[in-house]
Amino acid sequence: MPPIVLLMGVLMLMLVACSDEDIDRRYTDYRLDVVTFMGNDGGARFELLRRDDSTALLLQSDVTLGTSFKVGNRVLLRYDWADHATGNNRRITAYGVSAIVSDSLRYTVKPLSEYLNQMEPIKLLSIWRTGDYLNLHCQAEYTGKSRYFYLLLDSATARQDTVHCYLVNNTHGDTTYHWREAYASFYVGSIWNRPSCRTMRIHINDAAFPARATHDFNKSAP
């Protein structure tokens, strides 16, 4: 059974006290990345995978996240570098963090046609790959209730050179009110790392650009 998620938009949890400075960098100058929460060890730690196959960075903060954040989950982190050091281990000043849709690629167990009518529209703002994760930033229609929101692999294409994945967004017919911003990150390494996979084609019902129904992610030549 796919996960039921509640898309409430991006609500940032503030992690530091308000500043008396005229300009507060939490609101004017910061980095915003989808990262993996690695646990609390002298402060919350995060793994940052930058675009494509860049080397991972371990980010160490001086704040602690509560038990609602699970180790291994993808989260949206607002932060800045705490110093100008270089290397793969960096200290950061964390300004805020929010839970996002964090899931693994799902496989079809029924004919693909039975899932296609569950692809309700989103407004895609950005889609990108970081290592073994496929991430997206979008707007989705808000209902205030749980829905299905997951990335689905057409199992019939699992061993082909082009694998086809579909973004399922199923509100179960609940009343929609307005569009709200949302982020999601899906672990796709189980398919992406197969030698047979050369292209991952993502199918999205995009209300913003209906003519662009697919987005391809290609591997470099071996």
C-alpha atoms as a PDB file:
ATOM      1  CA  MET A   1       0.000   0.000   0.000  1.00  0.00           C
ATOM      2  CA  PRO A   2       1.476   3.384  -0.961  1.00  0.00           C
ATOM      3  CA  PRO A   3       2.011   5.912   1.796  1.00  0.00           C
ATOM      4  CA  ILE A   4      -0.773   8.325   2.659  1.00  0.00           C
ATOM      5  CA  VAL A   5       0.637  11.813   3.004  1.00  0.00           C
ATOM      6  CA  LEU A   6      -0.805  15.160   3.950  1.00  0.00           C
ATOM      7  CA  LEU A   7       0.448  17.926   1.689  1.00  0.00           C
ATOM      8  CA  MET A   8       0.227  20.982   3.906  1.00  0.00           C
ATOM      9  CA  GLY A   9       2.760  23.118   2.106  1.00  0.00           C
ATOM     10  CA  VAL A  10       6.189  24.055   3.388  1.00  0.00           C
ATOM     11  CA  LEU A  11       6.042  25.190   7.019  1.00  0.00           C
ATOM     12  CA  MET A  12       9.474  26.092   8.353  1.00  0.00           C
ATOM     13  CA  LEU A  13      10.292  25.264  11.982  1.00  0.00           C
ATOM     14  CA  MET A  14      12.343  28.128  13.380  1.00  0.00           C
ATOM     15  CA  LEU A  15      15.411  26.905  15.231  1.00  0.00           C
ATOM     16  CA  VAL A  16      16.983  30.091  16.541  1.00  0.00           C
ATOM     17  CA  ALA A  17      15.769  33.079  18.517  1.00  0.00           C
ATOM     18  CA  CYS A  18      14.852  36.326  16.794  1.00  0.00           C
ATOM     19  CA  SER A  19      17.681  38.751  16.195  1.00  0.00           C
ATOM     20  CA  ASP A  20      17.797  42.420  17.096  1.00  0.00           C
ATOM     21  CA  GLU A  21      19.898  43.208  14.039  1.00  0.00           C
ATOM     22  CA  ASP A  22      18.391  45.480  11.415  1.00  0.00           C
ATOM     23  CA  ILE A  23      18.757  42.728   8.787  1.00  0.00           C
ATOM     24  CA  ASP A  24      18.047  39.151   9.799  1.00  0.00           C
ATOM     25  CA  ARG A  25      19.872  36.762   7.472  1.00  0.00           C
ATOM     26  CA  ARG A  26      17.348  34.012   8.165  1.00  0.00           C
ATOM     27  CA  TYR A  27      15.000  35.894   5.872  1.00  0.00           C
ATOM     28  CA  THR A  28      17.345  37.643   3.450  1.00  0.00           C
ATOM     29  CA  ASP A  29      20.429  35.526   2.773  1.00  0.00           C
ATOM     30  CA  TYR A  30      20.451  31.762   3.228  1.00  0.00           C
ATOM     31  CA  ARG A  31      20.804  28.398   1.502  1.00  0.00           C
ATOM     32  CA  LEU A  32      17.791  26.143   0.956  1.00  0.00           C
ATOM     33  CA  ASP A  33      18.448  22.475   0.213  1.00  0.00           C
ATOM     34  CA  VAL A  34      16.715  19.110   0.360  1.00  0.00           C
ATOM     35  CA  VAL A  35      18.939  16.997   2.621  1.00  0.00           C
ATOM     36  CA  THR A  36      18.871  13.711   4.557  1.00  0.00           C
ATOM     37  CA  PHE A  37      18.513  13.872   8.348  1.00  0.00           C
ATOM     38  CA  MET A  38      21.329  11.726   9.795  1.00  0.00           C
ATOM     39  CA  GLY A  39      20.435  12.010  13.485  1.00  0.00           C
ATOM     40  CA  ASN A  40      21.361  14.110  16.516  1.00  0.00           C
ATOM     41  CA  ASP A  41      25.000  13.788  17.558  1.00  0.00           C
ATOM     42  CA  GLY A  42      26.244  16.966  19.182  1.00  0.00           C
ATOM     43  CA  GLY A  43      23.499  18.655  17.172  1.00  0.00           C
ATOM     44  CA  ALA A  44      21.445  17.626  14.152  1.00  0.00           C
ATOM     45  CA  ARG A  45      23.497  16.252  11.258  1.00  0.00           C
ATOM     46  CA  PHE A  46      22.440  16.285   7.618  1.00  0.00           C
ATOM     47  CA  GLU A  47      23.815  14.820   4.407  1.00  0.00           C
ATOM     48  CA  LEU A  48      23.786  17.165   1.442  1.00  0.00           C
ATOM     49  CA  LEU A  49      23.866  15.601  -2.014  1.00  0.00           C
ATOM     50  CA  ARG A  50      24.271  18.282  -4.620  1.00  0.00           C
ATOM     51  CA  ARG A  51      23.078  18.032  -8.219  1.00  0.00           C
ATOM     52  CA  ASP A  52      23.701  14.814 -10.124  1.00  0.00           C
ATOM     53  CA  ASP A  53      26.642  12.828  -8.679  1.00  0.00           C
ATOM     54  CA  SER A  54      28.571  15.416  -6.681  1.00  0.00           C
ATOM     55  CA  THR A  55      30.424  14.351  -3.534  1.00  0.00           C
ATOM     56  CA  ALA A  56      28.221  14.272  -0.437  1.00  0.00           C
ATOM     57  CA  LEU A  57      28.755  16.823   2.317  1.00  0.00           C
ATOM     58  CA  LEU A  58      28.076  16.152   5.995  1.00  0.00           C
ATOM     59  CA  LEU A  59      26.513  19.218   7.624  1.00  0.00           C
ATOM     60  CA  GLN A  60      26.834  19.586  11.403  1.00  0.00           C
ATOM     61  CA  SER A  61      24.532  22.009  13.215  1.00  0.00           C
ATOM     62  CA  ASP A  62      24.282  23.064  16.860  1.00  0.00           C
ATOM     63  CA  VAL A  63      20.535  22.458  17.172  1.00  0.00           C
ATOM     64  CA  THR A  64      18.627  19.268  17.981  1.00  0.00           C
ATOM     65  CA  LEU A  65      15.558  18.023  16.116  1.00  0.00           C
ATOM     66  CA  GLY A  66      12.624  16.419  17.896  1.00  0.00           C
ATOM     67  CA  THR A  67      11.401  12.854  17.596  1.00  0.00           C
ATOM     68  CA  SER A  68       8.988  13.733  14.794  1.00  0.00           C
ATOM     69  CA  PHE A  69      12.023  13.791  12.482  1.00  0.00           C
ATOM     70  CA  LYS A  70      13.171  10.254  11.661  1.00  0.00           C
ATOM     71  CA  VAL A  71      16.727   9.335  10.758  1.00  0.00           C
ATOM     72  CA  GLY A  72      17.003   8.776   7.008  1.00  0.00           C
ATOM     73  CA  ASN A  73      14.094  11.037   6.112  1.00  0.00           C
ATOM     74  CA  ARG A  74      14.538  13.781   3.573  1.00  0.00           C
ATOM     75  CA  VAL A  75      13.848  17.287   4.873  1.00  0.00           C
ATOM     76  CA  LEU A  76      14.032  20.858   3.638  1.00  0.00           C
ATOM     77  CA  LEU A  77      16.828  22.741   5.418  1.00  0.00           C
ATOM     78  CA  ARG A  78      17.327  26.500   5.558  1.00  0.00           C
ATOM     79  CA  TYR A  79      20.845  27.319   6.694  1.00  0.00           C
ATOM     80  CA  ASP A  80      24.143  29.057   6.081  1.00  0.00           C
ATOM     81  CA  TRP A  81      27.779  28.047   6.439  1.00  0.00           C
ATOM     82  CA  ALA A  82      29.029  28.709   9.988  1.00  0.00           C
ATOM     83  CA  ASP A  83      32.545  29.450   8.688  1.00  0.00           C
ATOM     84  CA  HIS A  84      34.521  29.494   5.470  1.00  0.00           C
ATOM     85  CA  ALA A  85      36.097  26.061   5.905  1.00  0.00           C
ATOM     86  CA  THR A  86      36.335  23.659   2.982  1.00  0.00           C
ATOM     87  CA  GLY A  87      36.074  19.873   2.804  1.00  0.00           C
ATOM     88  CA  ASN A  88      33.298  17.310   3.051  1.00  0.00           C
ATOM     89  CA  ASN A  89      32.446  18.044   6.702  1.00  0.00           C
ATOM     90  CA  ARG A  90      30.999  21.492   7.262  1.00  0.00           C
ATOM     91  CA  ARG A  91      29.554  23.306  10.251  1.00  0.00           C
ATOM     92  CA  ILE A  92      26.357  25.212   9.563  1.00  0.00           C
ATOM     93  CA  THR A  93      23.987  27.644  11.212  1.00  0.00           C
ATOM     94  CA  ALA A  94      20.511  26.117  10.865  1.00  0.00           C
ATOM     95  CA  TYR A  95      17.657  28.602  10.582  1.00  0.00           C
ATOM     96  CA  GLY A  96      14.759  26.231   9.935  1.00  0.00           C
ATOM     97  CA  VAL A  97      13.763  22.757   8.843  1.00  0.00           C
ATOM     98  CA  SER A  98      10.532  21.217   7.571  1.00  0.00           C
ATOM     99  CA  ALA A  99       9.317  17.729   6.847  1.00  0.00           C
ATOM    100  CA  ILE A 100       8.611  16.964   3.187  1.00  0.00           C
ATOM    101  CA  VAL A 101       7.277  13.975   1.280  1.00  0.00           C
ATOM    102  CA  SER A 102      10.092  11.426   1.763  1.00  0.00           C
ATOM    103  CA  ASP A 103       9.609   8.030   0.158  1.00  0.00           C
ATOM    104  CA  SER A 104      11.130   5.316  -2.046  1.00  0.00           C
ATOM    105  CA  LEU A 105      10.207   4.487  -5.625  1.00  0.00           C
ATOM    106  CA  ARG A 106       7.156   2.203  -5.719  1.00  0.00           C
ATOM    107  CA  TYR A 107       6.530  -0.641  -8.169  1.00  0.00           C
ATOM    108  CA  THR A 108       3.317  -1.399 -10.036  1.00  0.00           C
ATOM    109  CA  VAL A 109       1.472  -4.482  -8.793  1.00  0.00           C
ATOM    110  CA  LYS A 110      -1.577  -3.899 -11.001  1.00  0.00           C
ATOM    111  CA  PRO A 111      -1.763  -3.008 -14.700  1.00  0.00           C
ATOM    112  CA  LEU A 112      -0.335   0.453 -15.265  1.00  0.00           C
ATOM    113  CA  SER A 113      -3.638   1.682 -16.704  1.00  0.00           C
ATOM    114  CA  GLU A 114      -5.237   1.342 -13.276  1.00  0.00           C
ATOM    115  CA  TYR A 115      -2.867   3.978 -11.869  1.00  0.00           C
ATOM    116  CA  LEU A 116      -3.015   6.553 -14.650  1.00  0.00           C
ATOM    117  CA  ASN A 117      -6.361   8.022 -13.574  1.00  0.00           C
ATOM    118  CA  GLN A 118      -4.769   8.802 -10.179  1.00  0.00           C
ATOM    119  CA  MET A 119      -2.328  11.300 -11.714  1.00  0.00           C
ATOM    120  CA  GLU A 120      -4.122  14.486 -10.743  1.00  0.00           C
ATOM    121  CA  PRO A 121      -2.337  17.667 -11.839  1.00  0.00           C
ATOM    122  CA  ILE A 122       0.383  19.526 -10.024  1.00  0.00           C
ATOM    123  CA  LYS A 123       2.230  22.692 -11.043  1.00  0.00           C
ATOM    124  CA  LEU A 124       5.845  21.663 -11.378  1.00  0.00           C
ATOM    125  CA  LEU A 125       8.379  24.308 -10.356  1.00  0.00           C
ATOM    126  CA  SER A 126      11.563  22.237 -10.445  1.00  0.00           C
ATOM    127  CA  ILE A 127      12.692  18.612 -10.726  1.00  0.00           C
ATOM    128  CA  TRP A 128      16.269  17.458 -10.189  1.00  0.00           C
ATOM    129  CA  ARG A 129      18.384  14.456  -9.211  1.00  0.00           C
ATOM    130  CA  THR A 130      20.874  14.372  -6.344  1.00  0.00           C
ATOM    131  CA  GLY A 131      22.698  11.048  -6.151  1.00  0.00           C
ATOM    132  CA  ASP A 132      20.099   8.317  -5.688  1.00  0.00           C
ATOM    133  CA  TYR A 133      17.243  10.755  -5.034  1.00  0.00           C
ATOM    134  CA  LEU A 134      14.743  12.313  -7.395  1.00  0.00           C
ATOM    135  CA  ASN A 135      13.493  15.611  -5.943  1.00  0.00           C
ATOM    136  CA  LEU A 136      10.723  17.951  -6.942  1.00  0.00           C
ATOM    137  CA  HIS A 137       9.360  21.333  -5.947  1.00  0.00           C
ATOM    138  CA  CYS A 138       5.776  21.916  -6.951  1.00  0.00           C
ATOM    139  CA  GLN A 139       2.407  23.340  -6.124  1.00  0.00           C
ATOM    140  CA  ALA A 140      -0.394  20.912  -5.334  1.00  0.00           C
ATOM    141  CA  GLU A 141      -4.072  21.548  -4.697  1.00  0.00           C
ATOM    142  CA  TYR A 142      -4.756  21.734  -0.974  1.00  0.00           C
ATOM    143  CA  THR A 143      -7.557  19.634   0.525  1.00  0.00           C
ATOM    144  CA  GLY A 144      -6.684  19.513   4.245  1.00  0.00           C
ATOM    145  CA  LYS A 145      -6.933  15.713   4.074  1.00  0.00           C
ATOM    146  CA  SER A 146      -4.563  12.843   3.368  1.00  0.00           C
ATOM    147  CA  ARG A 147      -3.876  11.714  -0.187  1.00  0.00           C
ATOM    148  CA  TYR A 148      -1.684   9.357  -2.191  1.00  0.00           C
ATOM    149  CA  PHE A 149       1.456  11.135  -3.426  1.00  0.00           C
ATOM    150  CA  TYR A 150       4.246   8.864  -4.634  1.00  0.00           C
ATOM    151  CA  LEU A 151       6.543   7.998  -7.531  1.00  0.00           C
ATOM    152  CA  LEU A 152       5.582   4.776  -9.301  1.00  0.00           C
ATOM    153  CA  LEU A 153       7.762   2.603 -11.531  1.00  0.00           C
ATOM    154  CA  ASP A 154       6.116   0.772 -14.413  1.00  0.00           C
ATOM    155  CA  SER A 155       7.497  -2.647 -13.462  1.00  0.00           C
ATOM    156  CA  ALA A 156       7.340  -3.805 -17.076  1.00  0.00           C
ATOM    157  CA  THR A 157      10.156  -1.346 -17.872  1.00  0.00           C
ATOM    158  CA  ALA A 158      12.334  -2.143 -14.845  1.00  0.00           C
ATOM    159  CA  ARG A 159      15.033  -3.912 -16.897  1.00  0.00           C
ATOM    160  CA  GLN A 160      14.841  -1.778 -20.009  1.00  0.00           C
ATOM    161  CA  ASP A 161      17.360   0.916 -20.873  1.00  0.00           C
ATOM    162  CA  THR A 162      14.613   3.537 -20.415  1.00  0.00           C
ATOM    163  CA  VAL A 163      12.564   3.048 -17.265  1.00  0.00           C
ATOM    164  CA  HIS A 164       9.239   4.852 -16.931  1.00  0.00           C
ATOM    165  CA  CYS A 165       8.085   6.376 -13.640  1.00  0.00           C
ATOM    166  CA  TYR A 166       4.805   8.160 -12.922  1.00  0.00           C
ATOM    167  CA  LEU A 167       3.973  10.743 -10.286  1.00  0.00           C
ATOM    168  CA  VAL A 168       0.750   9.664  -8.600  1.00  0.00           C
ATOM    169  CA  ASN A 169      -1.239  12.459  -6.934  1.00  0.00           C
ATOM    170  CA  ASN A 170      -4.611  11.140  -5.798  1.00  0.00           C
ATOM    171  CA  THR A 171      -6.835  13.324  -3.602  1.00  0.00           C
ATOM    172  CA  HIS A 172      -9.567  10.636  -3.481  1.00  0.00           C
ATOM    173  CA  GLY A 173     -12.076  13.148  -4.815  1.00  0.00           C
ATOM    174  CA  ASP A 174     -11.788  15.444  -1.787  1.00  0.00           C
ATOM    175  CA  THR A 175     -12.657  19.113  -2.255  1.00  0.00           C
ATOM    176  CA  THR A 176      -9.704  21.253  -3.283  1.00  0.00           C
ATOM    177  CA  TYR A 177      -9.348  24.865  -2.164  1.00  0.00           C
ATOM    178  CA  HIS A 178      -6.175  26.447  -3.494  1.00  0.00           C
ATOM    179  CA  TRP A 179      -2.651  25.647  -4.632  1.00  0.00           C
ATOM    180  CA  ARG A 180       0.039  25.187  -1.974  1.00  0.00           C
ATOM    181  CA  GLU A 181       3.779  24.819  -2.295  1.00  0.00           C
ATOM    182  CA  ALA A 182       5.291  21.407  -1.539  1.00  0.00           C
ATOM    183  CA  TYR A 183       8.582  19.509  -1.824  1.00  0.00           C
ATOM    184  CA  ALA A 184       9.134  15.776  -2.271  1.00  0.00           C
ATOM    185  CA  SER A 185      12.162  13.493  -2.480  1.00  0.00           C
ATOM    186  CA  PHE A 186      12.100   9.879  -3.659  1.00  0.00           C
ATOM    187  CA  TYR A 187      14.862   7.297  -3.329  1.00  0.00           C
ATOM    188  CA  VAL A 188      15.320   5.781  -6.804  1.00  0.00           C
ATOM    189  CA  GLY A 189      18.692   4.052  -6.344  1.00  0.00           C
ATOM    190  CA  SER A 190      17.198   0.557  -6.609  1.00  0.00           C
ATOM    191  CA  ILE A 191      16.512   1.233 -10.291  1.00  0.00           C
ATOM    192  CA  TRP A 192      18.915   4.049 -11.144  1.00  0.00           C
ATOM    193  CA  ASN A 193      21.935   1.945 -10.140  1.00  0.00           C
ATOM    194  CA  ARG A 194      21.036  -0.998 -12.349  1.00  0.00           C
ATOM    195  CA  PRO A 195      23.532  -1.385 -15.238  1.00  0.00           C
ATOM    196  CA  SER A 196      20.627  -1.764 -17.665  1.00  0.00           C
ATOM    197  CA  CYS A 197      19.150   1.628 -16.744  1.00  0.00           C
ATOM    198  CA  ARG A 198      20.380   4.400 -19.021  1.00  0.00           C
ATOM    199  CA  THR A 199      17.436   6.820 -18.804  1.00  0.00           C
ATOM    200  CA  MET A 200      14.823   7.436 -16.133  1.00  0.00           C
ATOM    201  CA  ARG A 201      11.743   9.039 -17.692  1.00  0.00           C
ATOM    202  CA  ILE A 202       9.395  10.778 -15.248  1.00  0.00           C
ATOM    203  CA  HIS A 203       5.762  11.241 -16.313  1.00  0.00           C
ATOM    204  CA  ILE A 204       3.957  14.156 -14.640  1.00  0.00           C
ATOM    205  CA  ASN A 205       0.514  15.667 -15.134  1.00  0.00           C
ATOM    206  CA  ASP A 206       1.707  19.275 -15.082  1.00  0.00           C
ATOM    207  CA  ALA A 207      -1.012  21.930 -15.059  1.00  0.00           C
ATOM    208  CA  ALA A 208       1.589  24.672 -15.580  1.00  0.00           C
ATOM    209  CA  PHE A 209       3.072  23.161 -18.771  1.00  0.00           C
ATOM    210  CA  PRO A 210       0.666  20.482 -20.049  1.00  0.00           C
ATOM    211  CA  ALA A 211       2.638  19.986 -23.264  1.00  0.00           C
ATOM    212  CA  ARG A 212       5.669  18.767 -21.328  1.00  0.00           C
ATOM    213  CA  ALA A 213       4.517  15.480 -19.900  1.00  0.00           C
ATOM    214  CA  THR A 214       7.918  13.814 -19.374  1.00  0.00           C
ATOM    215  CA  HIS A 215      11.317  14.688 -17.918  1.00  0.00           C
ATOM    216  CA  ASP A 216      14.359  12.527 -18.754  1.00  0.00           C
ATOM    217  CA  PHE A 217      17.354  11.880 -16.515  1.00  0.00           C
ATOM    218  CA  ASN A 218      20.211  10.288 -18.451  1.00  0.00           C
ATOM    219  CA  LYS A 219      23.272   8.455 -17.203  1.00  0.00           C
ATOM    220  CA  SER A 220      26.678   9.399 -18.480  1.00  0.00           C
ATOM    221  CA  ALA A 221      28.209   6.995 -20.963  1.00  0.00           C
ATOM    222  CA  PRO A 222      30.002   4.106 -19.205  1.00  0.00           C
END
